[in-house]
Amino acid sequence: DVVIEGIKAMILSGELGPGSRLPVEKDLAVRLGVSRGPLREGVR
């Protein structure tokens, strides 16, 4: 849920827009404070 809400916040703030590439997995996991398993589940 943290991953989903975190990426949603990045889209709503304008940091990510249509066509934007997500940060690399390692950096995004650190930023959201989650491990890679839940990160991948949220992205899926």
PDB file of all heavy atoms in Angstrom:
ATOM      1  N   ASP A   1       0.832  -1.206   0.000  1.00  0.00           N
ATOM      2  CA  ASP A   1       0.000   0.000   0.000  1.00  0.00           C
ATOM      3  C   ASP A   1       0.863   1.252   0.000  1.00  0.00           C
ATOM      4  O   ASP A   1       0.530   2.265  -0.638  1.00  0.00           O
ATOM      5  CB  ASP A   1      -0.932   0.012   1.214  1.00  0.00           C
ATOM      6  CG  ASP A   1      -2.028  -1.040   1.140  1.00  0.00           C
ATOM      7  OD1 ASP A   1      -2.362  -1.444   0.007  1.00  0.00           O
ATOM      8  OD2 ASP A   1      -2.529  -1.459   2.200  1.00  0.00           O
ATOM      9  N   VAL A   2       1.976   1.196   0.741  1.00  0.00           N
ATOM     10  CA  VAL A   2       2.892   2.339   0.802  1.00  0.00           C
ATOM     11  C   VAL A   2       3.447   2.631  -0.587  1.00  0.00           C
ATOM     12  O   VAL A   2       3.555   3.793  -1.008  1.00  0.00           O
ATOM     13  CB  VAL A   2       4.039   2.063   1.803  1.00  0.00           C
ATOM     14  CG1 VAL A   2       5.118   3.148   1.683  1.00  0.00           C
ATOM     15  CG2 VAL A   2       3.500   2.024   3.222  1.00  0.00           C
ATOM     16  N   VAL A   3       3.783   1.573  -1.321  1.00  0.00           N
ATOM     17  CA  VAL A   3       4.302   1.745  -2.681  1.00  0.00           C
ATOM     18  C   VAL A   3       3.247   2.387  -3.574  1.00  0.00           C
ATOM     19  O   VAL A   3       3.526   3.350  -4.296  1.00  0.00           O
ATOM     20  CB  VAL A   3       4.736   0.384  -3.266  1.00  0.00           C
ATOM     21  CG1 VAL A   3       5.120   0.533  -4.733  1.00  0.00           C
ATOM     22  CG2 VAL A   3       5.898  -0.182  -2.471  1.00  0.00           C
ATOM     23  N   ILE A   4       2.033   1.850  -3.542  1.00  0.00           N
ATOM     24  CA  ILE A   4       0.955   2.372  -4.395  1.00  0.00           C
ATOM     25  C   ILE A   4       0.683   3.835  -4.080  1.00  0.00           C
ATOM     26  O   ILE A   4       0.593   4.681  -4.983  1.00  0.00           O
ATOM     27  CB  ILE A   4      -0.318   1.520  -4.218  1.00  0.00           C
ATOM     28  CG1 ILE A   4      -0.091   0.114  -4.771  1.00  0.00           C
ATOM     29  CG2 ILE A   4      -1.513   2.179  -4.913  1.00  0.00           C
ATOM     30  CD1 ILE A   4      -1.198  -0.863  -4.467  1.00  0.00           C
ATOM     31  N   GLU A   5       0.558   4.155  -2.786  1.00  0.00           N
ATOM     32  CA  GLU A   5       0.273   5.537  -2.401  1.00  0.00           C
ATOM     33  C   GLU A   5       1.449   6.453  -2.712  1.00  0.00           C
ATOM     34  O   GLU A   5       1.273   7.617  -3.085  1.00  0.00           O
ATOM     35  CB  GLU A   5      -0.077   5.606  -0.916  1.00  0.00           C
ATOM     36  CG  GLU A   5      -1.413   4.971  -0.568  1.00  0.00           C
ATOM     37  CD  GLU A   5      -2.567   5.624  -1.313  1.00  0.00           C
ATOM     38  OE1 GLU A   5      -2.580   6.863  -1.424  1.00  0.00           O
ATOM     39  OE2 GLU A   5      -3.450   4.875  -1.780  1.00  0.00           O
ATOM     40  N   GLY A   6       2.675   5.935  -2.562  1.00  0.00           N
ATOM     41  CA  GLY A   6       3.850   6.752  -2.836  1.00  0.00           C
ATOM     42  C   GLY A   6       3.964   7.116  -4.305  1.00  0.00           C
ATOM     43  O   GLY A   6       4.233   8.275  -4.656  1.00  0.00           O
ATOM     44  N   ILE A   7       3.756   6.130  -5.189  1.00  0.00           N
ATOM     45  CA  ILE A   7       3.813   6.416  -6.628  1.00  0.00           C
ATOM     46  C   ILE A   7       2.645   7.320  -7.032  1.00  0.00           C
ATOM     47  O   ILE A   7       2.800   8.229  -7.857  1.00  0.00           O
ATOM     48  CB  ILE A   7       3.824   5.103  -7.428  1.00  0.00           C
ATOM     49  CG1 ILE A   7       5.113   4.325  -7.129  1.00  0.00           C
ATOM     50  CG2 ILE A   7       3.690   5.380  -8.924  1.00  0.00           C
ATOM     51  CD1 ILE A   7       5.165   2.955  -7.775  1.00  0.00           C
ATOM     52  N   LYS A   8       1.487   7.074  -6.441  1.00  0.00           N
ATOM     53  CA  LYS A   8       0.327   7.934  -6.711  1.00  0.00           C
ATOM     54  C   LYS A   8       0.645   9.378  -6.344  1.00  0.00           C
ATOM     55  O   LYS A   8       0.327  10.315  -7.100  1.00  0.00           O
ATOM     56  CB  LYS A   8      -0.881   7.441  -5.914  1.00  0.00           C
ATOM     57  CG  LYS A   8      -2.117   8.319  -6.025  1.00  0.00           C
ATOM     58  CD  LYS A   8      -3.240   7.769  -5.154  1.00  0.00           C
ATOM     59  CE  LYS A   8      -4.433   8.710  -5.114  1.00  0.00           C
ATOM     60  NZ  LYS A   8      -5.499   8.210  -4.210  1.00  0.00           N
ATOM     61  N   ALA A   9       1.286   9.583  -5.191  1.00  0.00           N
ATOM     62  CA  ALA A   9       1.638  10.941  -4.762  1.00  0.00           C
ATOM     63  C   ALA A   9       2.612  11.588  -5.739  1.00  0.00           C
ATOM     64  O   ALA A   9       2.525  12.797  -6.018  1.00  0.00           O
ATOM     65  CB  ALA A   9       2.231  10.902  -3.351  1.00  0.00           C
ATOM     66  N   MET A  10       3.547  10.808  -6.263  1.00  0.00           N
ATOM     67  CA  MET A  10       4.515  11.346  -7.225  1.00  0.00           C
ATOM     68  C   MET A  10       3.816  11.779  -8.512  1.00  0.00           C
ATOM     69  O   MET A  10       4.208  12.760  -9.147  1.00  0.00           O
ATOM     70  CB  MET A  10       5.585  10.293  -7.518  1.00  0.00           C
ATOM     71  CG  MET A  10       6.459   9.959  -6.316  1.00  0.00           C
ATOM     72  SD  MET A  10       7.476   8.461  -6.553  1.00  0.00           S
ATOM     73  CE  MET A  10       8.687   9.072  -7.739  1.00  0.00           C
ATOM     74  N   ILE A  11       2.760  11.044  -8.909  1.00  0.00           N
ATOM     75  CA  ILE A  11       2.005  11.417 -10.111  1.00  0.00           C
ATOM     76  C   ILE A  11       1.157  12.653  -9.845  1.00  0.00           C
ATOM     77  O   ILE A  11       1.127  13.595 -10.644  1.00  0.00           O
ATOM     78  CB  ILE A  11       1.133  10.237 -10.575  1.00  0.00           C
ATOM     79  CG1 ILE A  11       2.014   9.074 -11.039  1.00  0.00           C
ATOM     80  CG2 ILE A  11       0.187  10.666 -11.701  1.00  0.00           C
ATOM     81  CD1 ILE A  11       1.253   7.795 -11.351  1.00  0.00           C
ATOM     82  N   LEU A  12       0.471  12.663  -8.689  1.00  0.00           N
ATOM     83  CA  LEU A  12      -0.407  13.792  -8.374  1.00  0.00           C
ATOM     84  C   LEU A  12       0.371  15.084  -8.199  1.00  0.00           C
ATOM     85  O   LEU A  12      -0.129  16.172  -8.500  1.00  0.00           O
ATOM     86  CB  LEU A  12      -1.216  13.484  -7.107  1.00  0.00           C
ATOM     87  CG  LEU A  12      -2.253  12.361  -7.234  1.00  0.00           C
ATOM     88  CD1 LEU A  12      -2.933  12.113  -5.892  1.00  0.00           C
ATOM     89  CD2 LEU A  12      -3.297  12.704  -8.288  1.00  0.00           C
ATOM     90  N   SER A  13       1.603  14.989  -7.704  1.00  0.00           N
ATOM     91  CA  SER A  13       2.415  16.199  -7.496  1.00  0.00           C
ATOM     92  C   SER A  13       3.005  16.725  -8.792  1.00  0.00           C
ATOM     93  O   SER A  13       3.528  17.843  -8.835  1.00  0.00           O
ATOM     94  CB  SER A  13       3.553  15.897  -6.513  1.00  0.00           C
ATOM     95  OG  SER A  13       4.520  15.031  -7.108  1.00  0.00           O
ATOM     96  N   GLY A  14       2.949  15.921  -9.847  1.00  0.00           N
ATOM     97  CA  GLY A  14       3.530  16.328 -11.120  1.00  0.00           C
ATOM     98  C   GLY A  14       4.965  15.872 -11.295  1.00  0.00           C
ATOM     99  O   GLY A  14       5.565  16.103 -12.355  1.00  0.00           O
ATOM    100  N   GLU A  15       5.517  15.238 -10.279  1.00  0.00           N
ATOM    101  CA  GLU A  15       6.882  14.732 -10.396  1.00  0.00           C
ATOM    102  C   GLU A  15       6.979  13.675 -11.482  1.00  0.00           C
ATOM    103  O   GLU A  15       7.977  13.592 -12.207  1.00  0.00           O
ATOM    104  CB  GLU A  15       7.342  14.156  -9.055  1.00  0.00           C
ATOM    105  CG  GLU A  15       8.763  13.628  -9.065  1.00  0.00           C
ATOM    106  CD  GLU A  15       9.209  13.072  -7.724  1.00  0.00           C
ATOM    107  OE1 GLU A  15       8.470  13.251  -6.730  1.00  0.00           O
ATOM    108  OE2 GLU A  15      10.290  12.453  -7.671  1.00  0.00           O
ATOM    109  N   LEU A  16       5.961  12.849 -11.580  1.00  0.00           N
ATOM    110  CA  LEU A  16       5.856  11.874 -12.663  1.00  0.00           C
ATOM    111  C   LEU A  16       4.624  12.216 -13.490  1.00  0.00           C
ATOM    112  O   LEU A  16       3.540  12.440 -12.934  1.00  0.00           O
ATOM    113  CB  LEU A  16       5.720  10.455 -12.108  1.00  0.00           C
ATOM    114  CG  LEU A  16       6.911   9.857 -11.361  1.00  0.00           C
ATOM    115  CD1 LEU A  16       6.529   8.494 -10.797  1.00  0.00           C
ATOM    116  CD2 LEU A  16       8.119   9.731 -12.272  1.00  0.00           C
ATOM    117  N   GLY A  17       4.779  12.263 -14.791  1.00  0.00           N
ATOM    118  CA  GLY A  17       3.649  12.523 -15.673  1.00  0.00           C
ATOM    119  C   GLY A  17       3.497  11.413 -16.680  1.00  0.00           C
ATOM    120  O   GLY A  17       4.284  10.447 -16.690  1.00  0.00           O
ATOM    121  N   PRO A  18       2.499  11.484 -17.548  1.00  0.00           N
ATOM    122  CA  PRO A  18       2.329  10.460 -18.579  1.00  0.00           C
ATOM    123  C   PRO A  18       3.609  10.265 -19.383  1.00  0.00           C
ATOM    124  O   PRO A  18       4.205  11.224 -19.865  1.00  0.00           O
ATOM    125  CB  PRO A  18       1.200  11.033 -19.441  1.00  0.00           C
ATOM    126  CG  PRO A  18       0.423  11.901 -18.499  1.00  0.00           C
ATOM    127  CD  PRO A  18       1.442  12.507 -17.598  1.00  0.00           C
ATOM    128  N   GLY A  19       4.048   9.035 -19.473  1.00  0.00           N
ATOM    129  CA  GLY A  19       5.262   8.735 -20.211  1.00  0.00           C
ATOM    130  C   GLY A  19       6.534   8.797 -19.393  1.00  0.00           C
ATOM    131  O   GLY A  19       7.606   8.426 -19.894  1.00  0.00           O
ATOM    132  N   SER A  20       6.450   9.255 -18.137  1.00  0.00           N
ATOM    133  CA  SER A  20       7.647   9.355 -17.301  1.00  0.00           C
ATOM    134  C   SER A  20       8.126   7.971 -16.868  1.00  0.00           C
ATOM    135  O   SER A  20       7.320   7.083 -16.592  1.00  0.00           O
ATOM    136  CB  SER A  20       7.363  10.192 -16.044  1.00  0.00           C
ATOM    137  OG  SER A  20       7.044  11.517 -16.373  1.00  0.00           O
ATOM    138  N   ARG A  21       9.424   7.830 -16.789  1.00  0.00           N
ATOM    139  CA  ARG A  21      10.003   6.568 -16.339  1.00  0.00           C
ATOM    140  C   ARG A  21      10.169   6.589 -14.825  1.00  0.00           C
ATOM    141  O   ARG A  21      10.603   7.599 -14.252  1.00  0.00           O
ATOM    142  CB  ARG A  21      11.355   6.346 -17.001  1.00  0.00           C
ATOM    143  CG  ARG A  21      12.017   5.033 -16.643  1.00  0.00           C
ATOM    144  CD  ARG A  21      13.322   4.878 -17.392  1.00  0.00           C
ATOM    145  NE  ARG A  21      14.000   3.641 -17.041  1.00  0.00           N
ATOM    146  CZ  ARG A  21      15.133   3.226 -17.588  1.00  0.00           C
ATOM    147  NH1 ARG A  21      15.711   3.959 -18.526  1.00  0.00           N
ATOM    148  NH2 ARG A  21      15.685   2.095 -17.205  1.00  0.00           N
ATOM    149  N   LEU A  22       9.825   5.476 -14.169  1.00  0.00           N
ATOM    150  CA  LEU A  22      10.007   5.385 -12.725  1.00  0.00           C
ATOM    151  C   LEU A  22      11.500   5.353 -12.392  1.00  0.00           C
ATOM    152  O   LEU A  22      12.298   4.855 -13.192  1.00  0.00           O
ATOM    153  CB  LEU A  22       9.357   4.109 -12.180  1.00  0.00           C
ATOM    154  CG  LEU A  22       7.989   4.267 -11.500  1.00  0.00           C
ATOM    155  CD1 LEU A  22       6.965   4.786 -12.480  1.00  0.00           C
ATOM    156  CD2 LEU A  22       7.543   2.938 -10.908  1.00  0.00           C
ATOM    157  N   PRO A  23      11.872   5.876 -11.224  1.00  0.00           N
ATOM    158  CA  PRO A  23      13.260   5.739 -10.788  1.00  0.00           C
ATOM    159  C   PRO A  23      13.643   4.266 -10.741  1.00  0.00           C
ATOM    160  O   PRO A  23      12.784   3.387 -10.640  1.00  0.00           O
ATOM    161  CB  PRO A  23      13.250   6.353  -9.378  1.00  0.00           C
ATOM    162  CG  PRO A  23      12.071   7.277  -9.376  1.00  0.00           C
ATOM    163  CD  PRO A  23      11.048   6.622 -10.256  1.00  0.00           C
ATOM    164  N   VAL A  24      14.948   3.985 -10.791  1.00  0.00           N
ATOM    165  CA  VAL A  24      15.393   2.597 -10.751  1.00  0.00           C
ATOM    166  C   VAL A  24      14.926   1.965  -9.441  1.00  0.00           C
ATOM    167  O   VAL A  24      14.724   2.639  -8.424  1.00  0.00           O
ATOM    168  CB  VAL A  24      16.924   2.498 -10.887  1.00  0.00           C
ATOM    169  CG1 VAL A  24      17.369   2.999 -12.239  1.00  0.00           C
ATOM    170  CG2 VAL A  24      17.619   3.244  -9.768  1.00  0.00           C
ATOM    171  N   GLU A  25      14.722   0.667  -9.480  1.00  0.00           N
ATOM    172  CA  GLU A  25      14.106  -0.059  -8.366  1.00  0.00           C
ATOM    173  C   GLU A  25      14.787   0.223  -7.025  1.00  0.00           C
ATOM    174  O   GLU A  25      14.123   0.476  -6.009  1.00  0.00           O
ATOM    175  CB  GLU A  25      14.137  -1.550  -8.684  1.00  0.00           C
ATOM    176  CG  GLU A  25      13.376  -2.410  -7.696  1.00  0.00           C
ATOM    177  CD  GLU A  25      13.391  -3.867  -8.095  1.00  0.00           C
ATOM    178  OE1 GLU A  25      14.369  -4.567  -7.714  1.00  0.00           O
ATOM    179  OE2 GLU A  25      12.448  -4.303  -8.782  1.00  0.00           O
ATOM    180  N   LYS A  26      16.115   0.172  -6.995  1.00  0.00           N
ATOM    181  CA  LYS A  26      16.846   0.370  -5.749  1.00  0.00           C
ATOM    182  C   LYS A  26      16.571   1.738  -5.153  1.00  0.00           C
ATOM    183  O   LYS A  26      16.270   1.871  -3.961  1.00  0.00           O
ATOM    184  CB  LYS A  26      18.349   0.200  -5.992  1.00  0.00           C
ATOM    185  CG  LYS A  26      19.199   0.431  -4.747  1.00  0.00           C
ATOM    186  CD  LYS A  26      20.676   0.279  -5.070  1.00  0.00           C
ATOM    187  CE  LYS A  26      21.528   0.599  -3.843  1.00  0.00           C
ATOM    188  NZ  LYS A  26      22.983   0.497  -4.159  1.00  0.00           N
ATOM    189  N   ASP A  27      16.636   2.779  -5.983  1.00  0.00           N
ATOM    190  CA  ASP A  27      16.416   4.144  -5.494  1.00  0.00           C
ATOM    191  C   ASP A  27      14.978   4.351  -5.041  1.00  0.00           C
ATOM    192  O   ASP A  27      14.719   5.017  -4.029  1.00  0.00           O
ATOM    193  CB  ASP A  27      16.765   5.155  -6.588  1.00  0.00           C
ATOM    194  CG  ASP A  27      18.254   5.164  -6.923  1.00  0.00           C
ATOM    195  OD1 ASP A  27      19.042   4.640  -6.107  1.00  0.00           O
ATOM    196  OD2 ASP A  27      18.617   5.679  -7.998  1.00  0.00           O
ATOM    197  N   LEU A  28      14.016   3.788  -5.787  1.00  0.00           N
ATOM    198  CA  LEU A  28      12.611   3.958  -5.441  1.00  0.00           C
ATOM    199  C   LEU A  28      12.290   3.242  -4.131  1.00  0.00           C
ATOM    200  O   LEU A  28      11.531   3.752  -3.300  1.00  0.00           O
ATOM    201  CB  LEU A  28      11.722   3.444  -6.572  1.00  0.00           C
ATOM    202  CG  LEU A  28      10.223   3.697  -6.434  1.00  0.00           C
ATOM    203  CD1 LEU A  28       9.931   5.189  -6.278  1.00  0.00           C
ATOM    204  CD2 LEU A  28       9.463   3.136  -7.639  1.00  0.00           C
ATOM    205  N   ALA A  29      12.884   2.055  -3.934  1.00  0.00           N
ATOM    206  CA  ALA A  29      12.654   1.315  -2.694  1.00  0.00           C
ATOM    207  C   ALA A  29      13.158   2.106  -1.497  1.00  0.00           C
ATOM    208  O   ALA A  29      12.494   2.186  -0.451  1.00  0.00           O
ATOM    209  CB  ALA A  29      13.338  -0.048  -2.757  1.00  0.00           C
ATOM    210  N   VAL A  30      14.344   2.697  -1.625  1.00  0.00           N
ATOM    211  CA  VAL A  30      14.900   3.506  -0.533  1.00  0.00           C
ATOM    212  C   VAL A  30      14.028   4.725  -0.265  1.00  0.00           C
ATOM    213  O   VAL A  30      13.728   5.061   0.890  1.00  0.00           O
ATOM    214  CB  VAL A  30      16.347   3.934  -0.871  1.00  0.00           C
ATOM    215  CG1 VAL A  30      16.843   4.971   0.138  1.00  0.00           C
ATOM    216  CG2 VAL A  30      17.264   2.722  -0.887  1.00  0.00           C
ATOM    217  N   ARG A  31      13.618   5.368  -1.321  1.00  0.00           N
ATOM    218  CA  ARG A  31      12.802   6.578  -1.157  1.00  0.00           C
ATOM    219  C   ARG A  31      11.481   6.285  -0.447  1.00  0.00           C
ATOM    220  O   ARG A  31      11.042   7.057   0.412  1.00  0.00           O
ATOM    221  CB  ARG A  31      12.525   7.193  -2.523  1.00  0.00           C
ATOM    222  CG  ARG A  31      11.526   8.344  -2.462  1.00  0.00           C
ATOM    223  CD  ARG A  31      11.449   9.100  -3.741  1.00  0.00           C
ATOM    224  NE  ARG A  31      10.430  10.136  -3.658  1.00  0.00           N
ATOM    225  CZ  ARG A  31      10.235  11.038  -4.594  1.00  0.00           C
ATOM    226  NH1 ARG A  31      11.016  11.068  -5.672  1.00  0.00           N
ATOM    227  NH2 ARG A  31       9.279  11.945  -4.460  1.00  0.00           N
ATOM    228  N   LEU A  32      10.857   5.160  -0.788  1.00  0.00           N
ATOM    229  CA  LEU A  32       9.560   4.836  -0.198  1.00  0.00           C
ATOM    230  C   LEU A  32       9.695   4.082   1.119  1.00  0.00           C
ATOM    231  O   LEU A  32       8.707   3.850   1.814  1.00  0.00           O
ATOM    232  CB  LEU A  32       8.725   4.012  -1.188  1.00  0.00           C
ATOM    233  CG  LEU A  32       8.369   4.711  -2.512  1.00  0.00           C
ATOM    234  CD1 LEU A  32       7.600   3.768  -3.427  1.00  0.00           C
ATOM    235  CD2 LEU A  32       7.568   5.980  -2.257  1.00  0.00           C
ATOM    236  N   GLY A  33      10.911   3.673   1.446  1.00  0.00           N
ATOM    237  CA  GLY A  33      11.133   2.982   2.708  1.00  0.00           C
ATOM    238  C   GLY A  33      10.575   1.577   2.731  1.00  0.00           C
ATOM    239  O   GLY A  33      10.059   1.123   3.756  1.00  0.00           O
ATOM    240  N   VAL A  34      10.688   0.874   1.606  1.00  0.00           N
ATOM    241  CA  VAL A  34      10.172  -0.490   1.522  1.00  0.00           C
ATOM    242  C   VAL A  34      11.249  -1.395   0.951  1.00  0.00           C
ATOM    243  O   VAL A  34      12.238  -0.942   0.368  1.00  0.00           O
ATOM    244  CB  VAL A  34       8.914  -0.561   0.634  1.00  0.00           C
ATOM    245  CG1 VAL A  34       7.802   0.311   1.197  1.00  0.00           C
ATOM    246  CG2 VAL A  34       9.235  -0.161  -0.806  1.00  0.00           C
ATOM    247  N   SER A  35      11.044  -2.695   1.093  1.00  0.00           N
ATOM    248  CA  SER A  35      11.944  -3.654   0.481  1.00  0.00           C
ATOM    249  C   SER A  35      11.526  -3.898  -0.965  1.00  0.00           C
ATOM    250  O   SER A  35      10.450  -3.470  -1.397  1.00  0.00           O
ATOM    251  CB  SER A  35      11.946  -4.966   1.271  1.00  0.00           C
ATOM    252  OG  SER A  35      10.636  -5.511   1.313  1.00  0.00           O
ATOM    253  N   ARG A  36      12.372  -4.601  -1.704  1.00  0.00           N
ATOM    254  CA  ARG A  36      12.118  -4.756  -3.143  1.00  0.00           C
ATOM    255  C   ARG A  36      10.909  -5.647  -3.441  1.00  0.00           C
ATOM    256  O   ARG A  36      10.227  -5.439  -4.449  1.00  0.00           O
ATOM    257  CB  ARG A  36      13.367  -5.305  -3.837  1.00  0.00           C
ATOM    258  CG  ARG A  36      14.533  -4.310  -3.829  1.00  0.00           C
ATOM    259  CD  ARG A  36      15.589  -4.713  -4.829  1.00  0.00           C
ATOM    260  NE  ARG A  36      16.724  -3.786  -4.793  1.00  0.00           N
ATOM    261  CZ  ARG A  36      17.735  -3.809  -5.654  1.00  0.00           C
ATOM    262  NH1 ARG A  36      17.753  -4.736  -6.607  1.00  0.00           N
ATOM    263  NH2 ARG A  36      18.720  -2.950  -5.563  1.00  0.00           N
ATOM    264  N   GLY A  37      10.633  -6.626  -2.578  1.00  0.00           N
ATOM    265  CA  GLY A  37       9.479  -7.494  -2.821  1.00  0.00           C
ATOM    266  C   GLY A  37       8.171  -6.716  -2.854  1.00  0.00           C
ATOM    267  O   GLY A  37       7.432  -6.776  -3.854  1.00  0.00           O
ATOM    268  N   PRO A  38       7.841  -5.977  -1.785  1.00  0.00           N
ATOM    269  CA  PRO A  38       6.617  -5.170  -1.813  1.00  0.00           C
ATOM    270  C   PRO A  38       6.625  -4.107  -2.899  1.00  0.00           C
ATOM    271  O   PRO A  38       5.574  -3.762  -3.450  1.00  0.00           O
ATOM    272  CB  PRO A  38       6.596  -4.530  -0.423  1.00  0.00           C
ATOM    273  CG  PRO A  38       7.376  -5.466   0.437  1.00  0.00           C
ATOM    274  CD  PRO A  38       8.460  -5.993  -0.454  1.00  0.00           C
ATOM    275  N   LEU A  39       7.822  -3.582  -3.228  1.00  0.00           N
ATOM    276  CA  LEU A  39       7.897  -2.591  -4.296  1.00  0.00           C
ATOM    277  C   LEU A  39       7.414  -3.207  -5.607  1.00  0.00           C
ATOM    278  O   LEU A  39       6.613  -2.610  -6.328  1.00  0.00           O
ATOM    279  CB  LEU A  39       9.332  -2.087  -4.452  1.00  0.00           C
ATOM    280  CG  LEU A  39       9.561  -1.103  -5.609  1.00  0.00           C
ATOM    281  CD1 LEU A  39       8.787   0.190  -5.372  1.00  0.00           C
ATOM    282  CD2 LEU A  39      11.037  -0.804  -5.801  1.00  0.00           C
ATOM    283  N   ARG A  40       7.890  -4.419  -5.887  1.00  0.00           N
ATOM    284  CA  ARG A  40       7.488  -5.071  -7.130  1.00  0.00           C
ATOM    285  C   ARG A  40       5.998  -5.405  -7.123  1.00  0.00           C
ATOM    286  O   ARG A  40       5.330  -5.290  -8.146  1.00  0.00           O
ATOM    287  CB  ARG A  40       8.316  -6.340  -7.336  1.00  0.00           C
ATOM    288  CG  ARG A  40       9.783  -6.044  -7.649  1.00  0.00           C
ATOM    289  CD  ARG A  40      10.665  -7.266  -7.563  1.00  0.00           C
ATOM    290  NE  ARG A  40      12.063  -6.940  -7.812  1.00  0.00           N
ATOM    291  CZ  ARG A  40      13.078  -7.758  -7.554  1.00  0.00           C
ATOM    292  NH1 ARG A  40      12.834  -8.968  -7.048  1.00  0.00           N
ATOM    293  NH2 ARG A  40      14.314  -7.388  -7.809  1.00  0.00           N
ATOM    294  N   GLU A  41       5.463  -5.807  -5.970  1.00  0.00           N
ATOM    295  CA  GLU A  41       4.031  -6.101  -5.871  1.00  0.00           C
ATOM    296  C   GLU A  41       3.202  -4.844  -6.128  1.00  0.00           C
ATOM    297  O   GLU A  41       2.183  -4.889  -6.831  1.00  0.00           O
ATOM    298  CB  GLU A  41       3.705  -6.668  -4.491  1.00  0.00           C
ATOM    299  CG  GLU A  41       4.250  -8.071  -4.250  1.00  0.00           C
ATOM    300  CD  GLU A  41       3.963  -8.556  -2.840  1.00  0.00           C
ATOM    301  OE1 GLU A  41       3.279  -7.823  -2.092  1.00  0.00           O
ATOM    302  OE2 GLU A  41       4.411  -9.660  -2.487  1.00  0.00           O
ATOM    303  N   GLY A  42       3.619  -3.726  -5.545  1.00  0.00           N
ATOM    304  CA  GLY A  42       2.900  -2.473  -5.756  1.00  0.00           C
ATOM    305  C   GLY A  42       2.934  -2.031  -7.197  1.00  0.00           C
ATOM    306  O   GLY A  42       1.924  -1.566  -7.750  1.00  0.00           O
ATOM    307  N   VAL A  43       4.091  -2.177  -7.833  1.00  0.00           N
ATOM    308  CA  VAL A  43       4.216  -1.797  -9.236  1.00  0.00           C
ATOM    309  C   VAL A  43       3.333  -2.700 -10.105  1.00  0.00           C
ATOM    310  O   VAL A  43       2.641  -2.223 -11.016  1.00  0.00           O
ATOM    311  CB  VAL A  43       5.691  -1.881  -9.688  1.00  0.00           C
ATOM    312  CG1 VAL A  43       5.794  -1.784 -11.214  1.00  0.00           C
ATOM    313  CG2 VAL A  43       6.502  -0.762  -9.034  1.00  0.00           C
ATOM    314  N   ARG A  44       3.318  -4.009  -9.809  1.00  0.00           N
ATOM    315  CA  ARG A  44       2.461  -4.925 -10.572  1.00  0.00           C
ATOM    316  C   ARG A  44       0.995  -4.544 -10.435  1.00  0.00           C
ATOM    317  O   ARG A  44       0.231  -4.614 -11.400  1.00  0.00           O
ATOM    318  CB  ARG A  44       2.683  -6.368 -10.117  1.00  0.00           C
ATOM    319  CG  ARG A  44       3.898  -7.041 -10.733  1.00  0.00           C
ATOM    320  CD  ARG A  44       3.839  -8.558 -10.565  1.00  0.00           C
ATOM    321  NE  ARG A  44       3.935  -8.941  -9.167  1.00  0.00           N
ATOM    322  CZ  ARG A  44       5.076  -9.236  -8.543  1.00  0.00           C
ATOM    323  NH1 ARG A  44       6.221  -9.161  -9.196  1.00  0.00           N
ATOM    324  NH2 ARG A  44       5.076  -9.602  -7.287  1.00  0.00           N
TER     325      ARG A  44
END
